Amino acid sequence: MTTIKVNEQTKTGKAFMAMFEAFFKGVEGIEIVEPTYGQVNEEASIYSSEFIEKVKKAEENIKNGETTTLNPDDIWGSLGLK
């Protein structure tokens, strides 16, 4: 099996898809498969897995009401770092 990635937003990509459909529509063994979320060819995240876990944990803490309120006049004191 060979995978061809075509950007259908470009002029060349649109032309390729039109040509492909004209020549190969209904031919056995050749099909167009639309990408779905989570496929292997999805672009890699720029964020590390540790950072993603921290963000998810923070979101969960916010949902559970576990937050810290900061005093804008005394931020260090609000964090207990004074």
N, C-alpha and C. Protein backbone atom coordinates (compact mmCIF):
# COMPACT_ATOMS: atom_id res chain seq x y z
N MET A 1 0.85 -1.17 0.00
CA MET A 1 0.00 0.00 0.00
C MET A 1 0.89 1.23 0.00
N THR A 2 0.53 2.21 -0.81
CA THR A 2 1.24 3.48 -0.89
C THR A 2 0.29 4.60 -0.50
N THR A 3 0.80 5.55 0.26
CA THR A 3 -0.01 6.69 0.68
C THR A 3 0.50 7.92 -0.05
N ILE A 4 -0.41 8.69 -0.61
CA ILE A 4 -0.07 9.95 -1.27
C ILE A 4 -0.80 11.04 -0.52
N LYS A 5 -0.06 12.01 -0.03
CA LYS A 5 -0.65 13.13 0.70
C LYS A 5 -0.84 14.29 -0.27
N VAL A 6 -2.10 14.75 -0.41
CA VAL A 6 -2.43 15.81 -1.36
C VAL A 6 -3.09 16.95 -0.60
N ASN A 7 -2.56 18.15 -0.76
CA ASN A 7 -3.17 19.33 -0.17
C ASN A 7 -4.21 19.85 -1.16
N GLU A 8 -5.47 19.58 -0.87
CA GLU A 8 -6.56 19.96 -1.77
C GLU A 8 -6.86 21.45 -1.74
N GLN A 9 -6.13 22.20 -0.93
CA GLN A 9 -6.32 23.65 -0.87
C GLN A 9 -5.53 24.36 -1.97
N THR A 10 -4.55 23.67 -2.55
CA THR A 10 -3.70 24.29 -3.56
C THR A 10 -4.24 24.02 -4.96
N LYS A 11 -3.79 24.83 -5.91
CA LYS A 11 -4.20 24.66 -7.30
C LYS A 11 -3.74 23.31 -7.83
N THR A 12 -2.51 22.94 -7.53
CA THR A 12 -1.96 21.66 -7.98
C THR A 12 -2.70 20.49 -7.35
N GLY A 13 -3.01 20.61 -6.06
CA GLY A 13 -3.73 19.55 -5.37
C GLY A 13 -5.12 19.35 -5.94
N LYS A 14 -5.81 20.45 -6.25
CA LYS A 14 -7.14 20.36 -6.85
C LYS A 14 -7.07 19.69 -8.23
N ALA A 15 -6.05 20.07 -9.00
CA ALA A 15 -5.88 19.49 -10.34
C ALA A 15 -5.58 18.00 -10.24
N PHE A 16 -4.73 17.62 -9.28
CA PHE A 16 -4.40 16.21 -9.11
C PHE A 16 -5.65 15.40 -8.76
N MET A 17 -6.45 15.91 -7.82
CA MET A 17 -7.65 15.19 -7.39
C MET A 17 -8.64 15.07 -8.55
N ALA A 18 -8.77 16.11 -9.35
CA ALA A 18 -9.68 16.05 -10.51
C ALA A 18 -9.20 15.00 -11.50
N MET A 19 -7.89 14.98 -11.76
CA MET A 19 -7.33 14.00 -12.68
C MET A 19 -7.49 12.58 -12.11
N PHE A 20 -7.21 12.42 -10.83
CA PHE A 20 -7.31 11.12 -10.18
C PHE A 20 -8.74 10.59 -10.29
N GLU A 21 -9.72 11.45 -9.97
CA GLU A 21 -11.12 11.00 -10.03
C GLU A 21 -11.54 10.67 -11.45
N ALA A 22 -11.03 11.43 -12.43
CA ALA A 22 -11.39 11.17 -13.83
C ALA A 22 -10.83 9.84 -14.31
N PHE A 23 -9.61 9.51 -13.94
CA PHE A 23 -8.96 8.30 -14.44
C PHE A 23 -9.23 7.05 -13.61
N PHE A 24 -9.39 7.20 -12.31
CA PHE A 24 -9.41 6.02 -11.45
C PHE A 24 -10.71 5.81 -10.68
N LYS A 25 -11.73 6.60 -10.91
CA LYS A 25 -12.99 6.42 -10.18
C LYS A 25 -13.60 5.06 -10.54
N GLY A 26 -13.85 4.27 -9.51
CA GLY A 26 -14.46 2.96 -9.71
C GLY A 26 -13.50 1.85 -10.06
N VAL A 27 -12.21 2.14 -10.12
CA VAL A 27 -11.22 1.12 -10.42
C VAL A 27 -10.96 0.31 -9.15
N GLU A 28 -10.99 -1.01 -9.29
CA GLU A 28 -10.78 -1.87 -8.14
C GLU A 28 -9.34 -1.76 -7.64
N GLY A 29 -9.20 -1.66 -6.32
CA GLY A 29 -7.88 -1.60 -5.71
C GLY A 29 -7.37 -0.19 -5.48
N ILE A 30 -8.09 0.81 -5.95
CA ILE A 30 -7.67 2.20 -5.74
C ILE A 30 -8.85 2.95 -5.14
N GLU A 31 -8.60 3.62 -4.01
CA GLU A 31 -9.67 4.37 -3.38
C GLU A 31 -9.11 5.61 -2.69
N ILE A 32 -9.97 6.59 -2.51
CA ILE A 32 -9.62 7.80 -1.77
C ILE A 32 -10.11 7.61 -0.34
N VAL A 33 -9.18 7.76 0.60
CA VAL A 33 -9.53 7.62 2.01
C VAL A 33 -9.30 8.98 2.65
N GLU A 34 -10.36 9.56 3.19
CA GLU A 34 -10.26 10.86 3.83
C GLU A 34 -9.56 10.71 5.18
N PRO A 35 -8.70 11.68 5.53
CA PRO A 35 -8.01 11.59 6.82
C PRO A 35 -9.00 11.78 7.97
N THR A 36 -8.73 11.10 9.07
CA THR A 36 -9.53 11.27 10.27
C THR A 36 -8.61 11.66 11.41
N TYR A 37 -9.18 12.27 12.44
CA TYR A 37 -8.40 12.72 13.59
C TYR A 37 -7.68 11.55 14.23
N GLY A 38 -6.42 11.74 14.55
CA GLY A 38 -5.67 10.72 15.25
C GLY A 38 -4.92 9.75 14.35
N GLN A 39 -4.93 9.99 13.05
CA GLN A 39 -4.20 9.09 12.16
C GLN A 39 -2.70 9.26 12.35
N VAL A 40 -1.97 8.28 11.92
CA VAL A 40 -0.53 8.28 12.07
C VAL A 40 0.11 9.46 11.36
N ASN A 41 -0.42 9.87 10.24
CA ASN A 41 0.20 10.95 9.48
C ASN A 41 -0.15 12.34 10.00
N GLU A 42 -0.82 12.40 11.14
CA GLU A 42 -1.14 13.69 11.74
C GLU A 42 0.15 14.36 12.21
N GLU A 43 0.23 15.67 12.08
CA GLU A 43 1.44 16.38 12.48
C GLU A 43 1.72 16.19 13.96
N ALA A 44 2.99 16.05 14.27
CA ALA A 44 3.38 15.86 15.67
C ALA A 44 3.16 17.15 16.45
N SER A 45 2.82 17.01 17.71
CA SER A 45 2.61 18.16 18.57
C SER A 45 3.94 18.84 18.87
N ILE A 46 3.91 20.16 18.99
CA ILE A 46 5.12 20.89 19.34
C ILE A 46 5.34 20.89 20.84
N TYR A 47 4.36 20.37 21.60
CA TYR A 47 4.44 20.36 23.05
C TYR A 47 4.89 19.00 23.56
N SER A 48 5.69 19.01 24.63
CA SER A 48 6.15 17.76 25.22
C SER A 48 4.99 17.08 25.94
N SER A 49 5.09 15.78 26.10
CA SER A 49 4.02 15.03 26.77
C SER A 49 3.90 15.46 28.24
N GLU A 50 5.02 15.85 28.87
CA GLU A 50 4.97 16.31 30.26
C GLU A 50 4.14 17.59 30.38
N PHE A 51 4.36 18.51 29.43
CA PHE A 51 3.61 19.77 29.45
C PHE A 51 2.12 19.52 29.24
N ILE A 52 1.78 18.64 28.31
CA ILE A 52 0.38 18.32 28.04
C ILE A 52 -0.28 17.74 29.29
N GLU A 53 0.42 16.87 30.01
CA GLU A 53 -0.13 16.30 31.24
C GLU A 53 -0.34 17.37 32.30
N LYS A 54 0.59 18.32 32.41
CA LYS A 54 0.43 19.42 33.38
C LYS A 54 -0.80 20.25 33.06
N VAL A 55 -1.01 20.54 31.79
CA VAL A 55 -2.17 21.34 31.38
C VAL A 55 -3.46 20.59 31.67
N LYS A 56 -3.49 19.29 31.37
CA LYS A 56 -4.68 18.49 31.64
C LYS A 56 -4.98 18.43 33.14
N LYS A 57 -3.91 18.30 33.96
CA LYS A 57 -4.10 18.27 35.41
C LYS A 57 -4.62 19.62 35.90
N ALA A 58 -4.09 20.70 35.36
CA ALA A 58 -4.56 22.04 35.75
C ALA A 58 -6.03 22.22 35.37
N GLU A 59 -6.43 21.75 34.20
CA GLU A 59 -7.84 21.84 33.79
C GLU A 59 -8.73 21.08 34.76
N GLU A 60 -8.27 19.90 35.17
CA GLU A 60 -9.05 19.08 36.10
C GLU A 60 -9.16 19.78 37.45
N ASN A 61 -8.06 20.40 37.92
CA ASN A 61 -8.08 21.13 39.19
C ASN A 61 -9.05 22.31 39.13
N ILE A 62 -9.10 22.99 38.00
CA ILE A 62 -10.02 24.12 37.85
C ILE A 62 -11.46 23.63 37.91
N LYS A 63 -11.74 22.52 37.25
CA LYS A 63 -13.10 21.96 37.27
C LYS A 63 -13.50 21.58 38.69
N ASN A 64 -12.54 21.13 39.51
CA ASN A 64 -12.82 20.71 40.88
C ASN A 64 -12.78 21.87 41.87
N GLY A 65 -12.54 23.09 41.38
CA GLY A 65 -12.51 24.26 42.25
C GLY A 65 -11.21 24.43 43.01
N GLU A 66 -10.18 23.70 42.64
CA GLU A 66 -8.89 23.79 43.31
C GLU A 66 -8.03 24.84 42.59
N THR A 67 -8.22 26.09 42.95
CA THR A 67 -7.49 27.17 42.32
C THR A 67 -6.84 28.07 43.37
N THR A 68 -5.91 28.89 42.94
CA THR A 68 -5.25 29.86 43.80
C THR A 68 -5.61 31.25 43.30
N THR A 69 -6.05 32.10 44.22
CA THR A 69 -6.38 33.47 43.86
C THR A 69 -5.18 34.36 44.16
N LEU A 70 -4.79 35.15 43.19
CA LEU A 70 -3.64 36.03 43.37
C LEU A 70 -4.10 37.45 43.65
N ASN A 71 -3.40 38.10 44.56
CA ASN A 71 -3.62 39.52 44.84
C ASN A 71 -2.68 40.29 43.92
N PRO A 72 -3.20 41.07 42.98
CA PRO A 72 -2.32 41.76 42.04
C PRO A 72 -1.37 42.75 42.71
N ASP A 73 -1.71 43.18 43.91
CA ASP A 73 -0.84 44.12 44.63
C ASP A 73 0.28 43.39 45.38
N ASP A 74 0.14 42.09 45.61
CA ASP A 74 1.14 41.31 46.35
C ASP A 74 1.17 39.88 45.81
N ILE A 75 1.66 39.73 44.60
CA ILE A 75 1.66 38.43 43.94
C ILE A 75 2.54 37.44 44.69
N TRP A 76 3.76 37.84 45.08
CA TRP A 76 4.66 36.92 45.78
C TRP A 76 4.05 36.48 47.11
N GLY A 77 3.42 37.40 47.81
CA GLY A 77 2.77 37.03 49.06
C GLY A 77 1.60 36.09 48.85
N SER A 78 0.86 36.28 47.77
CA SER A 78 -0.28 35.40 47.46
C SER A 78 0.18 33.97 47.22
N LEU A 79 1.39 33.83 46.70
CA LEU A 79 1.94 32.49 46.43
C LEU A 79 2.71 31.93 47.62
N GLY A 80 2.80 32.71 48.69
CA GLY A 80 3.52 32.25 49.87
C GLY A 80 5.03 32.27 49.69
N LEU A 81 5.49 33.15 48.84
CA LEU A 81 6.93 33.20 48.54
C LEU A 81 7.60 34.44 49.09
N LYS A 82 6.96 35.13 50.01
CA LYS A 82 7.53 36.36 50.58
C LYS A 82 8.21 36.09 51.87
